[in-house]
């Protein structure tokens, strides 16, 4: 079960690395605008906000990878919980699809990690 947990955690980290790239570097590009449903004008006006969001996603990636490298389940669980909270908040305030894209994979990672520790 540990392998399954680590695969899920790695996928969550990869997703957030992708979000970092979209938000920090592609916010005003066609791919970033399409991903977030932004007009070119709005994307340009809000690119600093997008970069800030991307930086936070980078911290989530760093924490998850740090926990996996150290094989530190409590650290991994903390960062997965942060992802779940961010996903739930995003679902409530922005779009329900964030729950599926962000919170559900992290929650599955928490479950798998818990089973691996049992």
N, C-alpha and C. Protein backbone atom coordinates (compact mmCIF):
# COMPACT_ATOMS: atom_id res chain seq x y z
N UNK A 1 0.81 -1.20 0.00
CA UNK A 1 0.00 0.00 0.00
C UNK A 1 0.86 1.27 0.00
N UNK A 2 2.07 1.18 0.54
CA UNK A 2 2.95 2.34 0.56
C UNK A 2 3.24 2.83 -0.85
N UNK A 3 3.46 1.91 -1.78
CA UNK A 3 3.73 2.29 -3.17
C UNK A 3 2.54 3.03 -3.77
N UNK A 4 1.34 2.52 -3.52
CA UNK A 4 0.12 3.18 -4.03
C UNK A 4 0.02 4.58 -3.46
N UNK A 5 0.27 4.71 -2.17
CA UNK A 5 0.20 6.03 -1.53
C UNK A 5 1.20 6.99 -2.17
N UNK A 6 2.42 6.53 -2.37
CA UNK A 6 3.44 7.40 -2.94
C UNK A 6 3.14 7.76 -4.40
N UNK A 7 2.55 6.86 -5.13
CA UNK A 7 2.16 7.17 -6.51
C UNK A 7 1.09 8.26 -6.50
N UNK A 8 0.10 8.14 -5.63
CA UNK A 8 -0.95 9.16 -5.55
C UNK A 8 -0.36 10.50 -5.12
N UNK A 9 0.51 10.49 -4.12
CA UNK A 9 1.15 11.73 -3.66
C UNK A 9 1.96 12.36 -4.79
N UNK A 10 2.69 11.54 -5.53
CA UNK A 10 3.47 12.05 -6.65
C UNK A 10 2.57 12.66 -7.72
N UNK A 11 1.41 12.05 -7.96
CA UNK A 11 0.46 12.62 -8.93
C UNK A 11 -0.09 13.96 -8.44
N UNK A 12 -0.39 14.05 -7.15
CA UNK A 12 -0.87 15.32 -6.58
C UNK A 12 0.22 16.38 -6.73
N UNK A 13 1.47 16.02 -6.44
CA UNK A 13 2.58 16.96 -6.60
C UNK A 13 2.73 17.38 -8.06
N UNK A 14 2.61 16.43 -8.97
CA UNK A 14 2.73 16.75 -10.41
C UNK A 14 1.62 17.68 -10.86
N UNK A 15 0.40 17.44 -10.37
CA UNK A 15 -0.71 18.34 -10.69
C UNK A 15 -0.40 19.77 -10.25
N UNK A 16 0.12 19.90 -9.05
CA UNK A 16 0.40 21.24 -8.53
C UNK A 16 1.60 21.88 -9.20
N UNK A 17 2.52 21.08 -9.69
CA UNK A 17 3.60 21.63 -10.50
C UNK A 17 3.03 22.18 -11.82
N UNK A 18 2.08 21.45 -12.38
CA UNK A 18 1.40 21.91 -13.60
C UNK A 18 0.65 23.21 -13.32
N UNK A 19 -0.05 23.29 -12.17
CA UNK A 19 -0.76 24.52 -11.81
C UNK A 19 0.24 25.67 -11.66
N UNK A 20 1.40 25.40 -11.05
CA UNK A 20 2.43 26.42 -10.90
C UNK A 20 2.83 26.97 -12.28
N UNK A 21 3.09 26.09 -13.22
CA UNK A 21 3.50 26.52 -14.57
C UNK A 21 2.39 27.34 -15.22
N UNK A 22 1.16 26.86 -15.14
CA UNK A 22 0.04 27.61 -15.73
C UNK A 22 -0.10 28.99 -15.10
N UNK A 23 -0.01 29.05 -13.79
CA UNK A 23 -0.29 30.31 -13.10
C UNK A 23 0.89 31.29 -13.14
N UNK A 24 2.10 30.78 -13.04
CA UNK A 24 3.26 31.68 -13.00
C UNK A 24 3.78 32.07 -14.38
N UNK A 25 3.69 31.15 -15.33
CA UNK A 25 4.35 31.38 -16.61
C UNK A 25 3.41 31.45 -17.82
N UNK A 26 2.23 30.84 -17.70
CA UNK A 26 1.33 30.79 -18.85
C UNK A 26 0.01 31.52 -18.62
N UNK A 27 -0.09 32.30 -17.56
CA UNK A 27 -1.33 32.97 -17.19
C UNK A 27 -1.90 33.79 -18.35
N UNK A 28 -1.04 34.52 -19.05
CA UNK A 28 -1.52 35.37 -20.15
C UNK A 28 -1.43 34.68 -21.52
N UNK A 29 -0.85 33.49 -21.56
CA UNK A 29 -0.76 32.73 -22.81
C UNK A 29 -2.08 32.04 -23.10
N UNK A 30 -2.31 31.63 -24.34
CA UNK A 30 -3.57 30.95 -24.66
C UNK A 30 -3.88 29.75 -23.75
N UNK A 31 -2.88 28.95 -23.41
CA UNK A 31 -3.13 27.77 -22.56
C UNK A 31 -3.60 28.18 -21.17
N UNK A 32 -2.97 29.19 -20.60
CA UNK A 32 -3.37 29.67 -19.28
C UNK A 32 -4.75 30.32 -19.30
N UNK A 33 -4.99 31.14 -20.30
CA UNK A 33 -6.30 31.80 -20.40
C UNK A 33 -7.40 30.77 -20.58
N UNK A 34 -7.14 29.75 -21.39
CA UNK A 34 -8.15 28.71 -21.61
C UNK A 34 -8.40 27.92 -20.33
N UNK A 35 -7.34 27.56 -19.62
CA UNK A 35 -7.48 26.77 -18.39
C UNK A 35 -8.33 27.49 -17.35
N UNK A 36 -8.19 28.80 -17.28
CA UNK A 36 -8.89 29.56 -16.24
C UNK A 36 -10.04 30.40 -16.77
N UNK A 37 -10.32 30.30 -18.07
CA UNK A 37 -11.44 31.03 -18.65
C UNK A 37 -11.26 32.54 -18.59
N UNK A 38 -10.08 33.02 -18.92
CA UNK A 38 -9.76 34.43 -18.81
C UNK A 38 -9.74 35.11 -20.18
N UNK A 39 -10.18 36.34 -20.20
CA UNK A 39 -10.00 37.15 -21.41
C UNK A 39 -8.55 37.65 -21.42
N UNK A 40 -8.03 38.00 -22.58
CA UNK A 40 -6.66 38.52 -22.62
C UNK A 40 -6.46 39.74 -21.71
N UNK A 41 -7.46 40.61 -21.69
CA UNK A 41 -7.36 41.83 -20.88
C UNK A 41 -7.32 41.50 -19.38
N UNK A 42 -8.23 40.62 -18.96
CA UNK A 42 -8.28 40.26 -17.55
C UNK A 42 -7.02 39.50 -17.13
N UNK A 43 -6.54 38.63 -18.00
CA UNK A 43 -5.31 37.89 -17.70
C UNK A 43 -4.14 38.84 -17.50
N UNK A 44 -4.03 39.84 -18.35
CA UNK A 44 -2.94 40.81 -18.23
C UNK A 44 -3.07 41.60 -16.94
N UNK A 45 -4.28 42.01 -16.59
CA UNK A 45 -4.51 42.79 -15.37
C UNK A 45 -4.24 41.98 -14.10
N UNK A 46 -4.40 40.67 -14.17
CA UNK A 46 -4.31 39.84 -12.96
C UNK A 46 -3.09 38.91 -12.96
N UNK A 47 -2.14 39.13 -13.84
CA UNK A 47 -1.02 38.18 -13.93
C UNK A 47 -0.21 38.11 -12.64
N UNK A 48 -0.11 39.18 -11.88
CA UNK A 48 0.60 39.12 -10.59
C UNK A 48 -0.16 38.22 -9.61
N UNK A 49 -1.48 38.27 -9.64
CA UNK A 49 -2.27 37.39 -8.77
C UNK A 49 -2.08 35.93 -9.17
N UNK A 50 -2.05 35.66 -10.47
CA UNK A 50 -1.82 34.30 -10.95
C UNK A 50 -0.45 33.80 -10.52
N UNK A 51 0.56 34.65 -10.64
CA UNK A 51 1.91 34.24 -10.23
C UNK A 51 1.95 33.95 -8.73
N UNK A 52 1.23 34.73 -7.94
CA UNK A 52 1.18 34.49 -6.51
C UNK A 52 0.54 33.14 -6.20
N UNK A 53 -0.55 32.82 -6.88
CA UNK A 53 -1.20 31.51 -6.71
C UNK A 53 -0.23 30.40 -7.10
N UNK A 54 0.49 30.60 -8.19
CA UNK A 54 1.44 29.60 -8.65
C UNK A 54 2.54 29.35 -7.63
N UNK A 55 3.00 30.43 -7.00
CA UNK A 55 4.03 30.28 -5.98
C UNK A 55 3.54 29.42 -4.82
N UNK A 56 2.31 29.64 -4.38
CA UNK A 56 1.74 28.82 -3.31
C UNK A 56 1.64 27.35 -3.74
N UNK A 57 1.27 27.11 -4.98
CA UNK A 57 1.25 25.73 -5.46
C UNK A 57 2.65 25.13 -5.45
N UNK A 58 3.64 25.95 -5.73
CA UNK A 58 5.02 25.48 -5.66
C UNK A 58 5.41 25.06 -4.25
N UNK A 59 4.94 25.78 -3.26
CA UNK A 59 5.21 25.39 -1.88
C UNK A 59 4.57 24.05 -1.54
N UNK A 60 3.38 23.82 -2.07
CA UNK A 60 2.73 22.52 -1.86
C UNK A 60 3.55 21.40 -2.50
N UNK A 61 4.02 21.64 -3.70
CA UNK A 61 4.88 20.65 -4.38
C UNK A 61 6.14 20.38 -3.55
N UNK A 62 6.77 21.45 -3.11
CA UNK A 62 8.01 21.31 -2.34
C UNK A 62 7.76 20.50 -1.07
N UNK A 63 6.67 20.77 -0.38
CA UNK A 63 6.37 20.04 0.85
C UNK A 63 6.10 18.57 0.60
N UNK A 64 5.34 18.28 -0.45
CA UNK A 64 5.05 16.88 -0.77
C UNK A 64 6.31 16.13 -1.17
N UNK A 65 7.13 16.74 -2.00
CA UNK A 65 8.37 16.09 -2.43
C UNK A 65 9.32 15.92 -1.25
N UNK A 66 9.43 16.94 -0.42
CA UNK A 66 10.27 16.86 0.77
C UNK A 66 9.84 15.69 1.65
N UNK A 67 8.54 15.56 1.87
CA UNK A 67 8.03 14.46 2.68
C UNK A 67 8.30 13.10 2.05
N UNK A 68 8.16 13.01 0.74
CA UNK A 68 8.43 11.72 0.08
C UNK A 68 9.91 11.36 0.13
N UNK A 69 10.78 12.34 -0.10
CA UNK A 69 12.22 12.07 -0.06
C UNK A 69 12.65 11.61 1.33
N UNK A 70 12.07 12.21 2.34
CA UNK A 70 12.41 11.86 3.72
C UNK A 70 11.60 10.66 4.23
N UNK A 71 10.68 10.17 3.40
CA UNK A 71 9.73 9.13 3.81
C UNK A 71 9.09 9.50 5.16
N UNK A 72 8.59 10.72 5.19
CA UNK A 72 8.02 11.30 6.41
C UNK A 72 6.51 11.44 6.25
N UNK A 73 5.79 10.43 6.69
CA UNK A 73 4.33 10.40 6.52
C UNK A 73 3.62 11.60 7.14
N UNK A 74 4.00 12.06 8.35
CA UNK A 74 3.32 13.22 8.90
C UNK A 74 3.48 14.49 8.04
N UNK A 75 4.65 14.68 7.47
CA UNK A 75 4.86 15.84 6.59
C UNK A 75 4.00 15.70 5.33
N UNK A 76 3.98 14.53 4.76
CA UNK A 76 3.16 14.30 3.57
C UNK A 76 1.69 14.53 3.91
N UNK A 77 1.25 14.00 5.03
CA UNK A 77 -0.15 14.17 5.43
C UNK A 77 -0.50 15.64 5.63
N UNK A 78 0.41 16.40 6.24
CA UNK A 78 0.16 17.83 6.44
C UNK A 78 -0.05 18.54 5.10
N UNK A 79 0.84 18.30 4.16
CA UNK A 79 0.72 18.99 2.87
C UNK A 79 -0.47 18.49 2.06
N UNK A 80 -0.80 17.21 2.15
CA UNK A 80 -2.02 16.73 1.50
C UNK A 80 -3.24 17.40 2.12
N UNK A 81 -3.25 17.54 3.43
CA UNK A 81 -4.37 18.21 4.09
C UNK A 81 -4.47 19.67 3.63
N UNK A 82 -3.34 20.33 3.45
CA UNK A 82 -3.35 21.69 2.92
C UNK A 82 -3.99 21.74 1.53
N UNK A 83 -3.66 20.76 0.71
CA UNK A 83 -4.23 20.68 -0.64
C UNK A 83 -5.75 20.47 -0.55
N UNK A 84 -6.19 19.59 0.34
CA UNK A 84 -7.62 19.35 0.50
C UNK A 84 -8.33 20.63 0.92
N UNK A 85 -7.78 21.33 1.90
CA UNK A 85 -8.40 22.58 2.36
C UNK A 85 -8.46 23.60 1.23
N UNK A 86 -7.36 23.75 0.49
CA UNK A 86 -7.34 24.68 -0.64
C UNK A 86 -8.36 24.28 -1.70
N UNK A 87 -8.48 22.98 -1.95
CA UNK A 87 -9.45 22.49 -2.94
C UNK A 87 -10.88 22.73 -2.52
N UNK A 88 -11.18 22.50 -1.26
CA UNK A 88 -12.54 22.75 -0.75
C UNK A 88 -12.85 24.24 -0.81
N UNK A 89 -11.90 25.06 -0.39
CA UNK A 89 -12.10 26.52 -0.44
C UNK A 89 -12.31 26.98 -1.88
N UNK A 90 -11.48 26.47 -2.78
CA UNK A 90 -11.64 26.82 -4.20
C UNK A 90 -12.98 26.37 -4.75
N UNK A 91 -13.45 25.21 -4.33
CA UNK A 91 -14.74 24.71 -4.79
C UNK A 91 -15.89 25.60 -4.30
N UNK A 92 -15.76 26.09 -3.09
CA UNK A 92 -16.81 26.94 -2.51
C UNK A 92 -16.78 28.34 -3.11
N UNK A 93 -15.57 28.86 -3.38
CA UNK A 93 -15.46 30.26 -3.79
C UNK A 93 -15.28 30.49 -5.29
N UNK A 94 -14.83 29.46 -6.02
CA UNK A 94 -14.53 29.68 -7.44
C UNK A 94 -15.32 28.74 -8.35
N UNK A 95 -15.08 27.44 -8.23
CA UNK A 95 -15.72 26.47 -9.11
C UNK A 95 -15.74 25.11 -8.44
N UNK A 96 -16.86 24.42 -8.54
CA UNK A 96 -16.96 23.09 -7.93
C UNK A 96 -16.01 22.07 -8.54
N UNK A 97 -15.60 22.30 -9.78
CA UNK A 97 -14.69 21.33 -10.41
C UNK A 97 -13.34 21.28 -9.71
N UNK A 98 -12.98 22.34 -8.97
CA UNK A 98 -11.73 22.34 -8.21
C UNK A 98 -11.75 21.23 -7.16
N UNK A 99 -12.93 20.94 -6.64
CA UNK A 99 -13.05 19.86 -5.66
C UNK A 99 -12.56 18.54 -6.26
N UNK A 100 -12.97 18.27 -7.48
CA UNK A 100 -12.60 17.01 -8.15
C UNK A 100 -11.14 17.03 -8.58
N UNK A 101 -10.70 18.15 -9.12
CA UNK A 101 -9.35 18.24 -9.66
C UNK A 101 -8.28 18.30 -8.57
N UNK A 102 -8.59 18.98 -7.48
CA UNK A 102 -7.56 19.23 -6.47
C UNK A 102 -7.81 18.47 -5.17
N UNK A 103 -9.00 18.60 -4.59
CA UNK A 103 -9.25 18.05 -3.25
C UNK A 103 -9.38 16.53 -3.25
N UNK A 104 -10.10 15.97 -4.23
CA UNK A 104 -10.33 14.52 -4.23
C UNK A 104 -9.02 13.73 -4.35
N UNK A 105 -8.12 14.08 -5.30
CA UNK A 105 -6.86 13.33 -5.35
C UNK A 105 -6.06 13.41 -4.05
N UNK A 106 -6.04 14.58 -3.44
CA UNK A 106 -5.30 14.72 -2.18
C UNK A 106 -5.96 13.91 -1.07
N UNK A 107 -7.29 13.90 -1.04
CA UNK A 107 -8.00 13.09 -0.04
C UNK A 107 -7.71 11.60 -0.24
N UNK A 108 -7.68 11.17 -1.49
CA UNK A 108 -7.33 9.78 -1.78
C UNK A 108 -5.90 9.48 -1.32
N UNK A 109 -5.01 10.44 -1.51
CA UNK A 109 -3.65 10.28 -1.03
C UNK A 109 -3.59 10.15 0.48
N UNK A 110 -4.40 10.94 1.19
CA UNK A 110 -4.45 10.83 2.65
C UNK A 110 -4.96 9.46 3.08
N UNK A 111 -5.98 8.97 2.42
CA UNK A 111 -6.53 7.65 2.75
C UNK A 111 -5.47 6.57 2.50
N UNK A 112 -4.84 6.62 1.33
CA UNK A 112 -3.82 5.62 1.00
C UNK A 112 -2.64 5.68 1.97
N UNK A 113 -2.25 6.90 2.32
CA UNK A 113 -1.15 7.07 3.28
C UNK A 113 -1.54 6.50 4.64
N UNK A 114 -2.77 6.76 5.07
CA UNK A 114 -3.23 6.22 6.33
C UNK A 114 -3.27 4.69 6.33
N UNK A 115 -3.73 4.11 5.23
CA UNK A 115 -3.76 2.66 5.12
C UNK A 115 -2.34 2.07 5.11
N UNK A 116 -1.42 2.78 4.49
CA UNK A 116 -0.04 2.31 4.43
C UNK A 116 0.61 2.34 5.82
N UNK A 117 0.17 3.26 6.66
CA UNK A 117 0.73 3.38 8.00
C UNK A 117 0.10 2.42 8.98
N UNK A 118 -1.07 1.88 8.63
CA UNK A 118 -1.79 1.00 9.56
C UNK A 118 -1.17 -0.38 9.67
